[in-house]
C-alpha atoms as a PDB file:
ATOM      1  CA  UNK A   1     -38.796 -44.006  14.601  1.00  0.00           C
ATOM      2  CA  UNK A   2     -37.504 -46.301  11.839  1.00  0.00           C
ATOM      3  CA  UNK A   3     -33.831 -45.498  12.954  1.00  0.00           C
ATOM      4  CA  UNK A   4     -34.529 -45.918  16.702  1.00  0.00           C
ATOM      5  CA  UNK A   5     -32.848 -48.798  18.483  1.00  0.00           C
ATOM      6  CA  UNK A   6     -36.315 -50.025  19.333  1.00  0.00           C
ATOM      7  CA  UNK A   7     -37.506 -49.908  15.731  1.00  0.00           C
ATOM      8  CA  UNK A   8     -38.775 -53.539  15.711  1.00  0.00           C
ATOM      9  CA  UNK A   9     -40.877 -52.870  18.790  1.00  0.00           C
ATOM     10  CA  UNK A  10     -42.399 -49.768  17.212  1.00  0.00           C
ATOM     11  CA  UNK A  11     -43.051 -51.683  14.000  1.00  0.00           C
ATOM     12  CA  UNK A  12     -44.955 -54.484  15.928  1.00  0.00           C
ATOM     13  CA  UNK A  13     -47.137 -51.837  17.536  1.00  0.00           C
ATOM     14  CA  UNK A  14     -47.505 -49.585  14.530  1.00  0.00           C
ATOM     15  CA  UNK A  15     -48.538 -52.157  11.995  1.00  0.00           C
ATOM     16  CA  UNK A  16     -51.679 -53.399  13.745  1.00  0.00           C
ATOM     17  CA  UNK A  17     -52.521 -49.773  14.769  1.00  0.00           C
ATOM     18  CA  UNK A  18     -52.539 -48.735  11.176  1.00  0.00           C
ATOM     19  CA  UNK A  19     -54.614 -51.762  10.150  1.00  0.00           C
ATOM     20  CA  UNK A  20     -57.204 -50.934  12.899  1.00  0.00           C
ATOM     21  CA  UNK A  21     -57.259 -47.237  11.894  1.00  0.00           C
ATOM     22  CA  UNK A  22     -57.736 -48.134   8.305  1.00  0.00           C
ATOM     23  CA  UNK A  23     -60.514 -50.485   9.024  1.00  0.00           C
ATOM     24  CA  UNK A  24     -62.418 -48.040  11.280  1.00  0.00           C
ATOM     25  CA  UNK A  25     -62.000 -45.096   8.828  1.00  0.00           C
ATOM     26  CA  UNK A  26     -62.983 -47.243   5.842  1.00  0.00           C
ATOM     27  CA  UNK A  27     -60.100 -45.902   3.717  1.00  0.00           C
ATOM     28  CA  UNK A  28     -59.637 -49.368   2.057  1.00  0.00           C
ATOM     29  CA  UNK A  29     -63.309 -50.147   1.607  1.00  0.00           C
ATOM     30  CA  UNK A  30     -63.749 -51.059  -2.003  1.00  0.00           C
ATOM     31  CA  UNK A  31     -67.465 -50.310  -1.819  1.00  0.00           C
ATOM     32  CA  UNK A  32     -66.744 -46.581  -1.263  1.00  0.00           C
ATOM     33  CA  UNK A  33     -66.289 -43.966  -4.058  1.00  0.00           C
ATOM     34  CA  UNK A  34     -62.863 -42.848  -2.713  1.00  0.00           C
ATOM     35  CA  UNK A  35     -59.511 -44.264  -3.440  1.00  0.00           C
ATOM     36  CA  UNK A  36     -56.583 -44.924  -1.072  1.00  0.00           C
ATOM     37  CA  UNK A  37     -53.070 -46.130  -1.161  1.00  0.00           C
ATOM     38  CA  UNK A  38     -50.295 -46.587   1.459  1.00  0.00           C
ATOM     39  CA  UNK A  39     -46.647 -45.920   1.459  1.00  0.00           C
ATOM     40  CA  UNK A  40     -44.932 -47.132   4.714  1.00  0.00           C
ATOM     41  CA  UNK A  41     -46.974 -45.315   7.385  1.00  0.00           C
ATOM     42  CA  UNK A  42     -48.281 -42.669   5.012  1.00  0.00           C
ATOM     43  CA  UNK A  43     -51.800 -42.918   3.531  1.00  0.00           C
ATOM     44  CA  UNK A  44     -53.240 -40.935   0.587  1.00  0.00           C
ATOM     45  CA  UNK A  45     -57.106 -40.797   0.463  1.00  0.00           C
ATOM     46  CA  UNK A  46     -58.659 -39.151  -2.531  1.00  0.00           C
ATOM     47  CA  UNK A  47     -62.469 -38.474  -2.841  1.00  0.00           C
ATOM     48  CA  UNK A  48     -63.860 -37.401  -6.241  1.00  0.00           C
ATOM     49  CA  UNK A  49     -65.858 -34.175  -6.247  1.00  0.00           C
ATOM     50  CA  UNK A  50     -68.154 -32.890  -8.974  1.00  0.00           C
ATOM     51  CA  UNK A  51     -69.280 -29.611 -10.051  1.00  0.00           C
ATOM     52  CA  UNK A  52     -72.364 -29.301  -7.908  1.00  0.00           C
ATOM     53  CA  UNK A  53     -71.933 -27.749  -4.362  1.00  0.00           C
ATOM     54  CA  UNK A  54     -73.839 -30.622  -2.757  1.00  0.00           C
ATOM     55  CA  UNK A  55     -71.251 -33.123  -4.147  1.00  0.00           C
ATOM     56  CA  UNK A  56     -68.388 -31.000  -2.870  1.00  0.00           C
ATOM     57  CA  UNK A  57     -70.000 -30.684   0.541  1.00  0.00           C
ATOM     58  CA  UNK A  58     -70.435 -34.438   0.788  1.00  0.00           C
ATOM     59  CA  UNK A  59     -66.846 -35.128  -0.349  1.00  0.00           C
ATOM     60  CA  UNK A  60     -65.587 -32.666   2.272  1.00  0.00           C
ATOM     61  CA  UNK A  61     -67.509 -34.257   5.127  1.00  0.00           C
ATOM     62  CA  UNK A  62     -66.635 -37.757   3.998  1.00  0.00           C
ATOM     63  CA  UNK A  63     -62.912 -36.879   3.970  1.00  0.00           C
ATOM     64  CA  UNK A  64     -62.929 -35.094   7.220  1.00  0.00           C
ATOM     65  CA  UNK A  65     -64.766 -37.940   9.042  1.00  0.00           C
ATOM     66  CA  UNK A  66     -62.428 -40.606   7.606  1.00  0.00           C
ATOM     67  CA  UNK A  67     -59.192 -38.749   8.569  1.00  0.00           C
ATOM     68  CA  UNK A  68     -60.594 -38.047  11.982  1.00  0.00           C
ATOM     69  CA  UNK A  69     -60.966 -41.738  12.779  1.00  0.00           C
ATOM     70  CA  UNK A  70     -57.539 -42.553  11.295  1.00  0.00           C
ATOM     71  CA  UNK A  71     -56.136 -39.947  13.707  1.00  0.00           C
ATOM     72  CA  UNK A  72     -58.097 -41.046  16.695  1.00  0.00           C
ATOM     73  CA  UNK A  73     -57.413 -44.762  16.424  1.00  0.00           C
ATOM     74  CA  UNK A  74     -53.675 -44.097  16.006  1.00  0.00           C
ATOM     75  CA  UNK A  75     -53.754 -41.841  19.073  1.00  0.00           C
ATOM     76  CA  UNK A  76     -55.619 -44.490  21.038  1.00  0.00           C
ATOM     77  CA  UNK A  77     -52.604 -46.782  20.305  1.00  0.00           C
ATOM     78  CA  UNK A  78     -50.198 -44.090  21.452  1.00  0.00           C
ATOM     79  CA  UNK A  79     -49.098 -42.705  18.062  1.00  0.00           C
ATOM     80  CA  UNK A  80     -49.322 -39.156  17.054  1.00  0.00           C
ATOM     81  CA  UNK A  81     -50.467 -38.406  13.620  1.00  0.00           C
ATOM     82  CA  UNK A  82     -50.712 -35.399  11.273  1.00  0.00           C
ATOM     83  CA  UNK A  83     -51.890 -34.678   7.839  1.00  0.00           C
ATOM     84  CA  UNK A  84     -53.086 -32.323   5.229  1.00  0.00           C
ATOM     85  CA  UNK A  85     -56.342 -31.981   3.243  1.00  0.00           C
ATOM     86  CA  UNK A  86     -56.074 -30.301  -0.200  1.00  0.00           C
ATOM     87  CA  UNK A  87     -58.575 -29.568  -3.012  1.00  0.00           C
ATOM     88  CA  UNK A  88     -57.815 -29.522  -6.612  1.00  0.00           C
ATOM     89  CA  UNK A  89     -56.605 -31.660  -9.574  1.00  0.00           C
ATOM     90  CA  UNK A  90     -55.428 -35.084  -8.562  1.00  0.00           C
ATOM     91  CA  UNK A  91     -54.924 -38.336 -10.343  1.00  0.00           C
ATOM     92  CA  UNK A  92     -54.931 -41.701  -8.476  1.00  0.00           C
ATOM     93  CA  UNK A  93     -55.115 -45.372  -9.073  1.00  0.00           C
ATOM     94  CA  UNK A  94     -54.105 -48.377  -6.984  1.00  0.00           C
ATOM     95  CA  UNK A  95     -50.405 -47.894  -7.548  1.00  0.00           C
ATOM     96  CA  UNK A  96     -49.875 -44.215  -8.538  1.00  0.00           C
ATOM     97  CA  UNK A  97     -50.719 -40.752  -7.207  1.00  0.00           C
ATOM     98  CA  UNK A  98     -50.084 -37.521  -9.070  1.00  0.00           C
ATOM     99  CA  UNK A  99     -51.344 -33.902  -8.962  1.00  0.00           C
ATOM    100  CA  UNK A 100     -50.996 -30.459  -7.479  1.00  0.00           C
ATOM    101  CA  UNK A 101     -53.546 -31.051  -4.775  1.00  0.00           C
ATOM    102  CA  UNK A 102     -51.407 -34.010  -3.556  1.00  0.00           C
ATOM    103  CA  UNK A 103     -48.353 -31.799  -3.467  1.00  0.00           C
ATOM    104  CA  UNK A 104     -50.124 -29.083  -1.600  1.00  0.00           C
ATOM    105  CA  UNK A 105     -51.506 -31.476   1.002  1.00  0.00           C
ATOM    106  CA  UNK A 106     -48.123 -33.236   1.449  1.00  0.00           C
ATOM    107  CA  UNK A 107     -46.302 -29.967   1.916  1.00  0.00           C
ATOM    108  CA  UNK A 108     -48.851 -28.787   4.432  1.00  0.00           C
ATOM    109  CA  UNK A 109     -48.500 -32.115   6.294  1.00  0.00           C
ATOM    110  CA  UNK A 110     -44.759 -31.518   6.579  1.00  0.00           C
ATOM    111  CA  UNK A 111     -45.131 -27.909   7.694  1.00  0.00           C
ATOM    112  CA  UNK A 112     -48.012 -28.291  10.045  1.00  0.00           C
ATOM    113  CA  UNK A 113     -45.647 -29.704  12.810  1.00  0.00           C
ATOM    114  CA  UNK A 114     -48.435 -30.194  15.373  1.00  0.00           C
ATOM    115  CA  UNK A 115     -50.459 -33.380  15.533  1.00  0.00           C
ATOM    116  CA  UNK A 116     -53.463 -32.307  13.542  1.00  0.00           C
ATOM    117  CA  UNK A 117     -55.156 -32.668  10.139  1.00  0.00           C
ATOM    118  CA  UNK A 118     -54.755 -29.198   8.519  1.00  0.00           C
ATOM    119  CA  UNK A 119     -56.573 -27.816   5.597  1.00  0.00           C
ATOM    120  CA  UNK A 120     -54.787 -26.102   2.670  1.00  0.00           C
ATOM    121  CA  UNK A 121     -55.941 -22.574   1.851  1.00  0.00           C
ATOM    122  CA  UNK A 122     -57.929 -23.904  -1.213  1.00  0.00           C
ATOM    123  CA  UNK A 123     -59.616 -26.571   0.914  1.00  0.00           C
ATOM    124  CA  UNK A 124     -60.580 -24.082   3.633  1.00  0.00           C
ATOM    125  CA  UNK A 125     -61.972 -21.698   1.040  1.00  0.00           C
ATOM    126  CA  UNK A 126     -63.976 -24.505  -0.424  1.00  0.00           C
ATOM    127  CA  UNK A 127     -65.432 -25.376   3.011  1.00  0.00           C
ATOM    128  CA  UNK A 128     -66.539 -21.799   3.474  1.00  0.00           C
ATOM    129  CA  UNK A 129     -67.895 -21.544  -0.091  1.00  0.00           C
ATOM    130  CA  UNK A 130     -70.014 -24.597  -0.175  1.00  0.00           C
ATOM    131  CA  UNK A 131     -71.386 -23.845   3.324  1.00  0.00           C
ATOM    132  CA  UNK A 132     -73.273 -20.913   1.838  1.00  0.00           C
ATOM    133  CA  UNK A 133     -75.290 -23.197  -0.448  1.00  0.00           C
ATOM    134  CA  UNK A 134     -75.800 -26.044   1.963  1.00  0.00           C
ATOM    135  CA  UNK A 135     -79.336 -25.102   2.997  1.00  0.00           C
ATOM    136  CA  UNK A 136     -78.704 -25.219   6.731  1.00  0.00           C
ATOM    137  CA  UNK A 137     -79.334 -21.529   7.172  1.00  0.00           C
ATOM    138  CA  UNK A 138     -76.464 -20.957   9.651  1.00  0.00           C
ATOM    139  CA  UNK A 139     -72.840 -21.770   9.337  1.00  0.00           C
ATOM    140  CA  UNK A 140     -72.643 -23.392  12.678  1.00  0.00           C
ATOM    141  CA  UNK A 141     -75.155 -25.913  11.559  1.00  0.00           C
ATOM    142  CA  UNK A 142     -73.312 -27.137   8.569  1.00  0.00           C
ATOM    143  CA  UNK A 143     -71.761 -30.539   9.369  1.00  0.00           C
ATOM    144  CA  UNK A 144     -68.412 -30.088   7.728  1.00  0.00           C
ATOM    145  CA  UNK A 145     -68.042 -26.502   9.071  1.00  0.00           C
ATOM    146  CA  UNK A 146     -68.887 -27.707  12.686  1.00  0.00           C
ATOM    147  CA  UNK A 147     -66.064 -30.212  12.373  1.00  0.00           C
ATOM    148  CA  UNK A 148     -63.400 -27.499  11.782  1.00  0.00           C
ATOM    149  CA  UNK A 149     -61.253 -25.323  14.063  1.00  0.00           C
ATOM    150  CA  UNK A 150     -58.614 -22.626  13.862  1.00  0.00           C
ATOM    151  CA  UNK A 151     -55.345 -22.590  15.724  1.00  0.00           C
ATOM    152  CA  UNK A 152     -54.924 -18.902  16.696  1.00  0.00           C
ATOM    153  CA  UNK A 153     -51.119 -19.235  17.024  1.00  0.00           C
ATOM    154  CA  UNK A 154     -50.749 -19.613  13.223  1.00  0.00           C
ATOM    155  CA  UNK A 155     -54.320 -19.332  11.864  1.00  0.00           C
ATOM    156  CA  UNK A 156     -54.248 -22.884  10.575  1.00  0.00           C
ATOM    157  CA  UNK A 157     -57.619 -24.337   9.893  1.00  0.00           C
ATOM    158  CA  UNK A 158     -57.745 -28.015  11.000  1.00  0.00           C
ATOM    159  CA  UNK A 159     -60.137 -30.846  11.706  1.00  0.00           C
ATOM    160  CA  UNK A 160     -61.666 -30.807  15.225  1.00  0.00           C
ATOM    161  CA  UNK A 161     -61.219 -34.687  15.589  1.00  0.00           C
ATOM    162  CA  UNK A 162     -62.362 -34.916  19.225  1.00  0.00           C
ATOM    163  CA  UNK A 163     -65.322 -32.655  18.747  1.00  0.00           C
ATOM    164  CA  UNK A 164     -66.416 -34.495  15.576  1.00  0.00           C
ATOM    165  CA  UNK A 165     -66.171 -37.799  17.397  1.00  0.00           C
ATOM    166  CA  UNK A 166     -68.075 -36.697  20.525  1.00  0.00           C
ATOM    167  CA  UNK A 167     -70.884 -35.278  18.293  1.00  0.00           C
ATOM    168  CA  UNK A 168     -71.289 -38.671  16.627  1.00  0.00           C
ATOM    169  CA  UNK A 169     -70.813 -40.897  19.616  1.00  0.00           C
ATOM    170  CA  UNK A 170     -74.134 -41.894  21.129  1.00  0.00           C
ATOM    171  CA  UNK A 171     -72.764 -44.412  23.676  1.00  0.00           C
ATOM    172  CA  UNK A 172     -72.101 -42.361  26.774  1.00  0.00           C
ATOM    173  CA  UNK A 173     -70.215 -45.099  28.510  1.00  0.00           C
ATOM    174  CA  UNK A 174     -67.912 -45.681  25.520  1.00  0.00           C
ATOM    175  CA  UNK A 175     -67.287 -41.952  25.178  1.00  0.00           C
ATOM    176  CA  UNK A 176     -66.345 -41.629  28.844  1.00  0.00           C
ATOM    177  CA  UNK A 177     -63.991 -44.734  28.588  1.00  0.00           C
ATOM    178  CA  UNK A 178     -62.247 -43.401  25.429  1.00  0.00           C
ATOM    179  CA  UNK A 179     -62.004 -39.821  26.784  1.00  0.00           C
ATOM    180  CA  UNK A 180     -60.261 -41.214  29.820  1.00  0.00           C
ATOM    181  CA  UNK A 181     -58.003 -43.315  27.733  1.00  0.00           C
ATOM    182  CA  UNK A 182     -57.027 -40.279  25.539  1.00  0.00           C
ATOM    183  CA  UNK A 183     -56.507 -38.095  28.576  1.00  0.00           C
ATOM    184  CA  UNK A 184     -54.155 -40.779  30.155  1.00  0.00           C
ATOM    185  CA  UNK A 185     -52.396 -41.173  26.872  1.00  0.00           C
ATOM    186  CA  UNK A 186     -51.718 -37.478  26.456  1.00  0.00           C
ATOM    187  CA  UNK A 187     -50.589 -37.191  30.061  1.00  0.00           C
ATOM    188  CA  UNK A 188     -48.223 -40.126  29.495  1.00  0.00           C
ATOM    189  CA  UNK A 189     -46.982 -38.542  26.187  1.00  0.00           C
ATOM    190  CA  UNK A 190     -46.068 -35.352  28.035  1.00  0.00           C
ATOM    191  CA  UNK A 191     -44.248 -37.200  30.815  1.00  0.00           C
ATOM    192  CA  UNK A 192     -42.298 -39.634  28.567  1.00  0.00           C
ATOM    193  CA  UNK A 193     -40.971 -36.863  26.297  1.00  0.00           C
ATOM    194  CA  UNK A 194     -39.677 -34.552  29.062  1.00  0.00           C
ATOM    195  CA  UNK A 195     -36.164 -34.970  27.752  1.00  0.00           C
ATOM    196  CA  UNK A 196     -37.164 -34.048  24.204  1.00  0.00           C
ATOM    197  CA  UNK A 197     -38.722 -30.578  24.166  1.00  0.00           C
ATOM    198  CA  UNK A 198     -39.413 -30.634  20.407  1.00  0.00           C
ATOM    199  CA  UNK A 199     -41.517 -33.768  20.673  1.00  0.00           C
ATOM    200  CA  UNK A 200     -42.997 -32.771  24.045  1.00  0.00           C
ATOM    201  CA  UNK A 201     -44.323 -29.532  22.524  1.00  0.00           C
ATOM    202  CA  UNK A 202     -46.503 -31.624  20.239  1.00  0.00           C
ATOM    203  CA  UNK A 203     -48.038 -33.426  23.211  1.00  0.00           C
ATOM    204  CA  UNK A 204     -48.543 -30.036  25.030  1.00  0.00           C
ATOM    205  CA  UNK A 205     -50.227 -28.650  21.933  1.00  0.00           C
ATOM    206  CA  UNK A 206     -52.485 -31.742  21.829  1.00  0.00           C
ATOM    207  CA  UNK A 207     -53.281 -31.356  25.607  1.00  0.00           C
ATOM    208  CA  UNK A 208     -54.473 -27.707  25.031  1.00  0.00           C
ATOM    209  CA  UNK A 209     -56.463 -28.637  21.946  1.00  0.00           C
ATOM    210  CA  UNK A 210     -58.046 -31.733  23.760  1.00  0.00           C
ATOM    211  CA  UNK A 211     -59.147 -29.479  26.783  1.00  0.00           C
ATOM    212  CA  UNK A 212     -60.575 -26.928  24.320  1.00  0.00           C
ATOM    213  CA  UNK A 213     -62.397 -29.400  22.220  1.00  0.00           C
ATOM    214  CA  UNK A 214     -64.069 -31.225  25.119  1.00  0.00           C
ATOM    215  CA  UNK A 215     -64.749 -28.073  27.216  1.00  0.00           C
ATOM    216  CA  UNK A 216     -68.434 -28.581  27.182  1.00  0.00           C
ATOM    217  CA  UNK A 217     -67.928 -32.198  28.501  1.00  0.00           C
ATOM    218  CA  UNK A 218     -65.225 -30.989  30.802  1.00  0.00           C
ATOM    219  CA  UNK A 219     -67.559 -28.574  32.469  1.00  0.00           C
ATOM    220  CA  UNK A 220     -69.661 -31.475  33.562  1.00  0.00           C
ATOM    221  CA  UNK A 221     -66.754 -33.657  34.450  1.00  0.00           C
ATOM    222  CA  UNK A 222     -63.494 -31.689  35.015  1.00  0.00           C
ATOM    223  CA  UNK A 223     -61.576 -34.878  35.684  1.00  0.00           C
ATOM    224  CA  UNK A 224     -61.735 -35.563  31.940  1.00  0.00           C
ATOM    225  CA  UNK A 225     -59.358 -32.612  31.218  1.00  0.00           C
ATOM    226  CA  UNK A 226     -55.597 -32.921  30.937  1.00  0.00           C
ATOM    227  CA  UNK A 227     -54.276 -31.295  34.085  1.00  0.00           C
ATOM    228  CA  UNK A 228     -50.732 -30.821  32.694  1.00  0.00           C
ATOM    229  CA  UNK A 229     -51.902 -28.847  29.647  1.00  0.00           C
ATOM    230  CA  UNK A 230     -49.919 -25.489  29.420  1.00  0.00           C
ATOM    231  CA  UNK A 231     -52.883 -23.355  28.456  1.00  0.00           C
ATOM    232  CA  UNK A 232     -50.777 -21.469  25.906  1.00  0.00           C
ATOM    233  CA  UNK A 233     -52.570 -22.535  22.707  1.00  0.00           C
ATOM    234  CA  UNK A 234     -55.890 -20.985  21.923  1.00  0.00           C
ATOM    235  CA  UNK A 235     -58.517 -22.131  19.300  1.00  0.00           C
ATOM    236  CA  UNK A 236     -61.830 -20.996  17.859  1.00  0.00           C
ATOM    237  CA  UNK A 237     -64.406 -22.769  15.732  1.00  0.00           C
ATOM    238  CA  UNK A 238     -64.160 -22.261  12.005  1.00  0.00           C
ATOM    239  CA  UNK A 239     -67.847 -21.069  11.917  1.00  0.00           C
ATOM    240  CA  UNK A 240     -67.034 -18.254  14.263  1.00  0.00           C
ATOM    241  CA  UNK A 241     -65.033 -16.453  11.578  1.00  0.00           C
ATOM    242  CA  UNK A 242     -67.423 -16.953   8.660  1.00  0.00           C
ATOM    243  CA  UNK A 243     -69.377 -13.880   7.785  1.00  0.00           C
ATOM    244  CA  UNK A 244     -72.847 -15.455   7.766  1.00  0.00           C
END
């Protein structure tokens, strides 16, 4: 994008999109316990976790919600995003980030290819572990577990951004408006990248995931689904593979 002939146009669109996404996600809110820093269009968000399972559960959910809104606001502006969530040792201040958890998350972000927020193996294992002590009784009732899905093509655990948002949104008119906006954006993304199969495949993946994630809503209103979705990618909820 930075080397594109229309780089300045992209910049003028991307900069306000990043600011809006950051404001909605609260990544730069000084009143929160997390820390964040930006490098060009990359953001690092770190949430401290303590030794108690309840603290780890809260940190997981907080992180998952924040990155979901970063992803959704950027998509609303026409930009595909991707990322990685890691768990482990990490140092961070307002000008410096360092640690193995950062490296693991950054490598996963590079390798995940598809427009999604993926979890490292350590983060996915933590999500499953703390769910057993959450007190909800069933894994499907644990908030951070309900917000995760698995791509069956490569067994990647990732954040169900659309599902999380729909579960939180209590304004039906706004939900309908934004779903239609996302549907149109995905359709447009597929059409506009017809000459670039590598990029178009990302939009096709997103189309299949979008239709899967909103399937309950789509049963009530089929017009909300992306009609050009290939139907080649399949997904399951994270809680469906847990043993309890």
